[in-house]
Amino acid sequence: NPGLFSFTSESVHDGGLALRFRGRLDMNTVLAFRDAVFTAIGERPAWLLIDLTRVTQIEPTGIGNLVTAARVAGLTQLPVHFAVPSDLAGMFRDTGLDRLLSAPPVSGHEIARKLLAQ
C-alpha cells in the first residue's frame, strides 16, 4: 500500500544516519515521524538525512513537525538535510521551508574544523 506510513533507519558514511520515510505525513503519522526523528537525534550521529522522497503527501501538521525537527536538530548542533520529492518542492518554496530545510549534510571533518575554529 503506497499510502501506508513507514520508515527505515540506516547508518551511512562518515558517521551519518539516514531516515527514509514513505507514505503520508499527516495527523495520524506525525507522532511516529517525530519519535523516529527525536530518537535519531538522541543517537548523536555526525549528521542526519531525513529522506522524504517517497512521502506521497504532507499535511499542515506534518509541515509543523518538519520545522520542529529542523529546530531541534539546530539546537543540538546536529547538521540535518531534508531530501524532498520533486512534486512537493513547489509547496516547500511557497512556504519558505526550502530555506529552512536546505542545510546540506556536513562531514565529520567539517564539524571538527568548525569546532577548532572557535
N, C-alpha and C. Protein backbone atom coordinates (compact mmCIF):
# COMPACT_ATOMS: atom_id res chain seq x y z
N ASN A 1 0.84 -1.19 0.00
CA ASN A 1 0.00 0.00 0.00
C ASN A 1 0.88 1.24 0.00
N PRO A 2 0.87 2.05 -1.09
CA PRO A 2 1.76 3.20 -1.20
C PRO A 2 1.45 4.29 -0.18
N GLY A 3 0.24 4.34 0.38
CA GLY A 3 -0.10 5.36 1.35
C GLY A 3 0.28 5.00 2.77
N LEU A 4 0.65 3.74 3.00
CA LEU A 4 0.99 3.27 4.34
C LEU A 4 2.29 3.92 4.81
N PHE A 5 2.28 4.49 6.01
CA PHE A 5 3.45 5.19 6.54
C PHE A 5 4.44 4.18 7.12
N SER A 6 5.70 4.33 6.76
CA SER A 6 6.76 3.51 7.33
C SER A 6 8.08 4.26 7.17
N PHE A 7 9.11 3.77 7.83
CA PHE A 7 10.43 4.35 7.67
C PHE A 7 11.49 3.31 7.95
N THR A 8 12.68 3.59 7.43
CA THR A 8 13.85 2.78 7.74
C THR A 8 14.94 3.73 8.25
N SER A 9 15.84 3.17 9.03
CA SER A 9 16.95 3.93 9.57
C SER A 9 18.22 3.19 9.21
N GLU A 10 19.20 3.90 8.64
CA GLU A 10 20.45 3.22 8.30
C GLU A 10 21.64 4.14 8.53
N SER A 11 22.69 3.57 9.08
CA SER A 11 23.94 4.30 9.23
C SER A 11 24.57 4.43 7.87
N VAL A 12 25.10 5.61 7.59
CA VAL A 12 25.72 5.86 6.29
C VAL A 12 27.14 6.38 6.52
N HIS A 13 27.84 6.65 5.43
CA HIS A 13 29.25 7.04 5.51
C HIS A 13 29.46 8.24 6.43
N ASP A 14 30.65 8.32 6.94
CA ASP A 14 31.09 9.49 7.71
C ASP A 14 30.30 9.69 9.00
N GLY A 15 29.73 8.62 9.54
CA GLY A 15 29.03 8.73 10.82
C GLY A 15 27.62 9.28 10.73
N GLY A 16 27.10 9.43 9.52
CA GLY A 16 25.75 9.96 9.35
C GLY A 16 24.68 8.90 9.54
N LEU A 17 23.45 9.36 9.67
CA LEU A 17 22.30 8.48 9.82
C LEU A 17 21.23 8.94 8.85
N ALA A 18 20.66 8.00 8.11
CA ALA A 18 19.60 8.32 7.14
C ALA A 18 18.29 7.72 7.61
N LEU A 19 17.28 8.57 7.73
CA LEU A 19 15.90 8.13 7.98
C LEU A 19 15.15 8.28 6.67
N ARG A 20 14.61 7.18 6.17
CA ARG A 20 13.90 7.21 4.88
C ARG A 20 12.43 6.90 5.13
N PHE A 21 11.60 7.90 4.89
CA PHE A 21 10.16 7.79 5.16
C PHE A 21 9.40 7.51 3.88
N ARG A 22 8.24 6.85 4.05
CA ARG A 22 7.37 6.55 2.91
C ARG A 22 5.93 6.65 3.37
N GLY A 23 5.04 7.05 2.45
CA GLY A 23 3.62 7.16 2.76
C GLY A 23 3.22 8.60 3.03
N ARG A 24 2.17 8.78 3.81
CA ARG A 24 1.63 10.10 4.11
C ARG A 24 2.14 10.60 5.46
N LEU A 25 2.50 11.88 5.49
CA LEU A 25 2.86 12.53 6.74
C LEU A 25 1.68 13.42 7.12
N ASP A 26 0.83 12.89 8.00
CA ASP A 26 -0.40 13.58 8.37
C ASP A 26 -0.64 13.46 9.86
N MET A 27 -1.81 13.87 10.33
CA MET A 27 -2.06 13.87 11.78
C MET A 27 -2.05 12.47 12.38
N ASN A 28 -2.24 11.45 11.55
CA ASN A 28 -2.21 10.07 12.06
C ASN A 28 -0.79 9.51 12.15
N THR A 29 0.17 10.16 11.49
CA THR A 29 1.52 9.60 11.42
C THR A 29 2.59 10.51 12.01
N VAL A 30 2.24 11.74 12.39
CA VAL A 30 3.28 12.67 12.85
C VAL A 30 3.95 12.21 14.14
N LEU A 31 3.22 11.53 15.01
CA LEU A 31 3.86 11.07 16.24
C LEU A 31 4.94 10.04 15.94
N ALA A 32 4.67 9.13 15.02
CA ALA A 32 5.68 8.14 14.62
C ALA A 32 6.87 8.84 13.96
N PHE A 33 6.59 9.85 13.12
CA PHE A 33 7.65 10.62 12.48
C PHE A 33 8.51 11.31 13.54
N ARG A 34 7.85 12.01 14.46
CA ARG A 34 8.56 12.76 15.50
C ARG A 34 9.40 11.82 16.37
N ASP A 35 8.82 10.68 16.76
CA ASP A 35 9.57 9.71 17.57
C ASP A 35 10.82 9.23 16.84
N ALA A 36 10.68 8.94 15.56
CA ALA A 36 11.82 8.46 14.77
C ALA A 36 12.91 9.52 14.69
N VAL A 37 12.51 10.76 14.43
CA VAL A 37 13.50 11.84 14.30
C VAL A 37 14.17 12.13 15.64
N PHE A 38 13.39 12.24 16.72
CA PHE A 38 13.98 12.53 18.02
C PHE A 38 14.88 11.39 18.51
N THR A 39 14.51 10.15 18.22
CA THR A 39 15.36 9.02 18.55
C THR A 39 16.68 9.12 17.79
N ALA A 40 16.59 9.46 16.50
CA ALA A 40 17.80 9.61 15.69
C ALA A 40 18.69 10.73 16.22
N ILE A 41 18.10 11.87 16.59
CA ILE A 41 18.87 12.98 17.14
C ILE A 41 19.56 12.54 18.43
N GLY A 42 18.85 11.76 19.25
CA GLY A 42 19.41 11.26 20.50
C GLY A 42 20.58 10.32 20.32
N GLU A 43 20.66 9.69 19.15
CA GLU A 43 21.79 8.80 18.85
C GLU A 43 23.06 9.58 18.53
N ARG A 44 22.94 10.89 18.37
CA ARG A 44 24.07 11.80 18.12
C ARG A 44 24.93 11.39 16.91
N PRO A 45 24.30 11.19 15.75
CA PRO A 45 25.11 10.92 14.56
C PRO A 45 25.89 12.18 14.17
N ALA A 46 26.84 12.02 13.27
CA ALA A 46 27.60 13.18 12.78
C ALA A 46 26.69 14.13 12.01
N TRP A 47 25.73 13.59 11.28
CA TRP A 47 24.72 14.36 10.57
C TRP A 47 23.53 13.46 10.32
N LEU A 48 22.39 14.07 9.99
CA LEU A 48 21.14 13.34 9.81
C LEU A 48 20.52 13.69 8.47
N LEU A 49 20.14 12.67 7.73
CA LEU A 49 19.38 12.85 6.50
C LEU A 49 17.95 12.41 6.77
N ILE A 50 17.00 13.29 6.51
CA ILE A 50 15.58 12.95 6.58
C ILE A 50 15.09 12.91 5.15
N ASP A 51 14.95 11.70 4.64
CA ASP A 51 14.61 11.46 3.23
C ASP A 51 13.09 11.34 3.11
N LEU A 52 12.49 12.34 2.47
CA LEU A 52 11.04 12.37 2.27
C LEU A 52 10.66 12.09 0.82
N THR A 53 11.61 11.61 0.02
CA THR A 53 11.34 11.46 -1.42
C THR A 53 10.26 10.44 -1.73
N ARG A 54 9.95 9.55 -0.79
CA ARG A 54 8.87 8.58 -1.02
C ARG A 54 7.62 8.90 -0.20
N VAL A 55 7.57 10.12 0.34
CA VAL A 55 6.38 10.58 1.04
C VAL A 55 5.41 11.09 -0.02
N THR A 56 4.18 10.60 0.02
CA THR A 56 3.21 10.93 -1.03
C THR A 56 2.41 12.19 -0.74
N GLN A 57 2.30 12.55 0.55
CA GLN A 57 1.54 13.75 0.91
C GLN A 57 2.02 14.24 2.26
N ILE A 58 2.12 15.57 2.40
CA ILE A 58 2.47 16.18 3.68
C ILE A 58 1.38 17.18 4.02
N GLU A 59 0.65 16.90 5.10
CA GLU A 59 -0.41 17.79 5.55
C GLU A 59 0.20 18.86 6.46
N PRO A 60 -0.55 19.92 6.77
CA PRO A 60 -0.01 21.02 7.60
C PRO A 60 0.62 20.55 8.91
N THR A 61 0.03 19.58 9.57
CA THR A 61 0.62 19.09 10.82
C THR A 61 1.99 18.44 10.57
N GLY A 62 2.16 17.84 9.40
CA GLY A 62 3.45 17.28 9.02
C GLY A 62 4.48 18.37 8.78
N ILE A 63 4.04 19.46 8.15
CA ILE A 63 4.94 20.60 7.91
C ILE A 63 5.44 21.15 9.24
N GLY A 64 4.53 21.29 10.21
CA GLY A 64 4.92 21.77 11.53
C GLY A 64 5.96 20.87 12.17
N ASN A 65 5.83 19.58 11.97
CA ASN A 65 6.80 18.65 12.54
C ASN A 65 8.15 18.69 11.81
N LEU A 66 8.14 19.01 10.53
CA LEU A 66 9.41 19.20 9.81
C LEU A 66 10.15 20.40 10.39
N VAL A 67 9.42 21.48 10.63
CA VAL A 67 10.02 22.68 11.22
C VAL A 67 10.57 22.36 12.60
N THR A 68 9.78 21.66 13.41
CA THR A 68 10.23 21.28 14.75
C THR A 68 11.49 20.43 14.68
N ALA A 69 11.51 19.46 13.78
CA ALA A 69 12.69 18.60 13.63
C ALA A 69 13.92 19.42 13.28
N ALA A 70 13.76 20.36 12.35
CA ALA A 70 14.90 21.19 11.94
C ALA A 70 15.38 22.05 13.11
N ARG A 71 14.44 22.60 13.89
CA ARG A 71 14.82 23.45 15.02
C ARG A 71 15.51 22.65 16.12
N VAL A 72 14.98 21.47 16.44
CA VAL A 72 15.59 20.64 17.49
C VAL A 72 16.99 20.21 17.05
N ALA A 73 17.13 19.82 15.81
CA ALA A 73 18.46 19.44 15.31
C ALA A 73 19.41 20.63 15.40
N GLY A 74 18.92 21.82 15.07
CA GLY A 74 19.75 23.02 15.17
C GLY A 74 20.17 23.30 16.60
N LEU A 75 19.25 23.13 17.54
CA LEU A 75 19.56 23.37 18.95
C LEU A 75 20.63 22.41 19.47
N THR A 76 20.64 21.20 18.92
CA THR A 76 21.63 20.22 19.33
C THR A 76 22.88 20.27 18.45
N GLN A 77 22.92 21.25 17.54
CA GLN A 77 24.02 21.44 16.60
C GLN A 77 24.25 20.23 15.72
N LEU A 78 23.17 19.54 15.40
CA LEU A 78 23.24 18.39 14.51
C LEU A 78 22.92 18.85 13.09
N PRO A 79 23.87 18.72 12.17
CA PRO A 79 23.57 19.07 10.79
C PRO A 79 22.49 18.12 10.25
N VAL A 80 21.45 18.70 9.66
CA VAL A 80 20.34 17.90 9.13
C VAL A 80 20.07 18.31 7.70
N HIS A 81 19.78 17.34 6.88
CA HIS A 81 19.46 17.58 5.47
C HIS A 81 18.14 16.89 5.17
N PHE A 82 17.27 17.57 4.47
CA PHE A 82 15.99 17.01 4.06
C PHE A 82 16.01 16.76 2.55
N ALA A 83 15.70 15.55 2.14
CA ALA A 83 15.51 15.23 0.72
C ALA A 83 14.01 15.24 0.47
N VAL A 84 13.57 16.06 -0.48
CA VAL A 84 12.15 16.32 -0.69
C VAL A 84 11.73 15.82 -2.07
N PRO A 85 10.53 15.21 -2.18
CA PRO A 85 10.06 14.78 -3.50
C PRO A 85 9.83 15.98 -4.42
N SER A 86 10.15 15.82 -5.70
CA SER A 86 10.06 16.94 -6.64
C SER A 86 8.64 17.50 -6.74
N ASP A 87 7.62 16.65 -6.59
CA ASP A 87 6.25 17.16 -6.73
C ASP A 87 5.82 18.00 -5.52
N LEU A 88 6.58 17.95 -4.42
CA LEU A 88 6.27 18.79 -3.27
C LEU A 88 7.24 19.97 -3.14
N ALA A 89 8.19 20.07 -4.06
CA ALA A 89 9.18 21.14 -3.98
C ALA A 89 8.53 22.52 -4.08
N GLY A 90 7.48 22.65 -4.87
CA GLY A 90 6.78 23.94 -5.01
C GLY A 90 6.18 24.38 -3.69
N MET A 91 5.58 23.45 -2.97
CA MET A 91 4.99 23.76 -1.67
C MET A 91 6.09 24.20 -0.70
N PHE A 92 7.24 23.55 -0.76
CA PHE A 92 8.35 23.93 0.11
C PHE A 92 8.86 25.33 -0.23
N ARG A 93 8.90 25.66 -1.52
CA ARG A 93 9.31 27.00 -1.94
C ARG A 93 8.29 28.04 -1.50
N ASP A 94 7.00 27.76 -1.75
CA ASP A 94 5.93 28.72 -1.43
C ASP A 94 5.85 29.04 0.05
N THR A 95 6.15 28.07 0.90
CA THR A 95 6.05 28.28 2.35
C THR A 95 7.37 28.75 2.97
N GLY A 96 8.45 28.77 2.17
CA GLY A 96 9.75 29.16 2.71
C GLY A 96 10.48 28.02 3.40
N LEU A 97 9.87 26.83 3.40
CA LEU A 97 10.51 25.68 4.03
C LEU A 97 11.80 25.28 3.34
N ASP A 98 11.90 25.58 2.04
CA ASP A 98 13.11 25.20 1.33
C ASP A 98 14.35 25.85 1.93
N ARG A 99 14.22 27.08 2.43
CA ARG A 99 15.37 27.75 3.05
C ARG A 99 15.70 27.12 4.39
N LEU A 100 14.68 26.76 5.16
CA LEU A 100 14.89 26.16 6.47
C LEU A 100 15.45 24.75 6.36
N LEU A 101 15.02 24.03 5.34
CA LEU A 101 15.34 22.61 5.25
C LEU A 101 16.43 22.29 4.24
N SER A 102 17.25 23.27 3.91
CA SER A 102 18.22 23.02 2.83
C SER A 102 19.65 22.87 3.30
N ALA A 103 19.87 22.70 4.60
CA ALA A 103 21.25 22.52 5.07
C ALA A 103 21.80 21.21 4.54
N PRO A 104 22.93 21.26 3.84
CA PRO A 104 23.50 20.02 3.29
C PRO A 104 24.13 19.17 4.38
N PRO A 105 24.26 17.87 4.13
CA PRO A 105 24.97 17.04 5.10
C PRO A 105 26.39 17.57 5.30
N VAL A 106 26.85 17.53 6.52
CA VAL A 106 28.18 18.03 6.85
C VAL A 106 29.03 16.86 7.29
N SER A 107 30.26 16.81 6.81
CA SER A 107 31.14 15.69 7.17
C SER A 107 31.72 15.91 8.57
N GLY A 108 32.18 14.85 9.18
CA GLY A 108 32.84 14.94 10.47
C GLY A 108 34.05 15.86 10.42
N HIS A 109 34.75 15.88 9.29
CA HIS A 109 35.91 16.76 9.13
C HIS A 109 35.49 18.22 9.19
N GLU A 110 34.36 18.55 8.54
CA GLU A 110 33.88 19.93 8.56
C GLU A 110 33.45 20.34 9.97
N ILE A 111 32.81 19.43 10.71
CA ILE A 111 32.42 19.72 12.08
C ILE A 111 33.65 19.97 12.93
N ALA A 112 34.67 19.12 12.80
CA ALA A 112 35.91 19.29 13.56
C ALA A 112 36.56 20.62 13.23
N ARG A 113 36.56 20.99 11.97
CA ARG A 113 37.16 22.25 11.54
C ARG A 113 36.43 23.42 12.20
N LYS A 114 35.10 23.36 12.23
CA LYS A 114 34.31 24.43 12.86
C LYS A 114 34.59 24.51 14.36
N LEU A 115 34.69 23.35 15.01
CA LEU A 115 34.94 23.33 16.45
C LEU A 115 36.34 23.88 16.77
N LEU A 116 37.32 23.54 15.94
CA LEU A 116 38.69 24.01 16.17
C LEU A 116 38.82 25.51 15.91
N ALA A 117 37.95 26.05 15.06
CA ALA A 117 38.00 27.48 14.74
C ALA A 117 37.42 28.34 15.87
N GLN A 118 36.68 27.74 16.80
CA GLN A 118 36.05 28.51 17.87
C GLN A 118 37.04 28.89 18.95
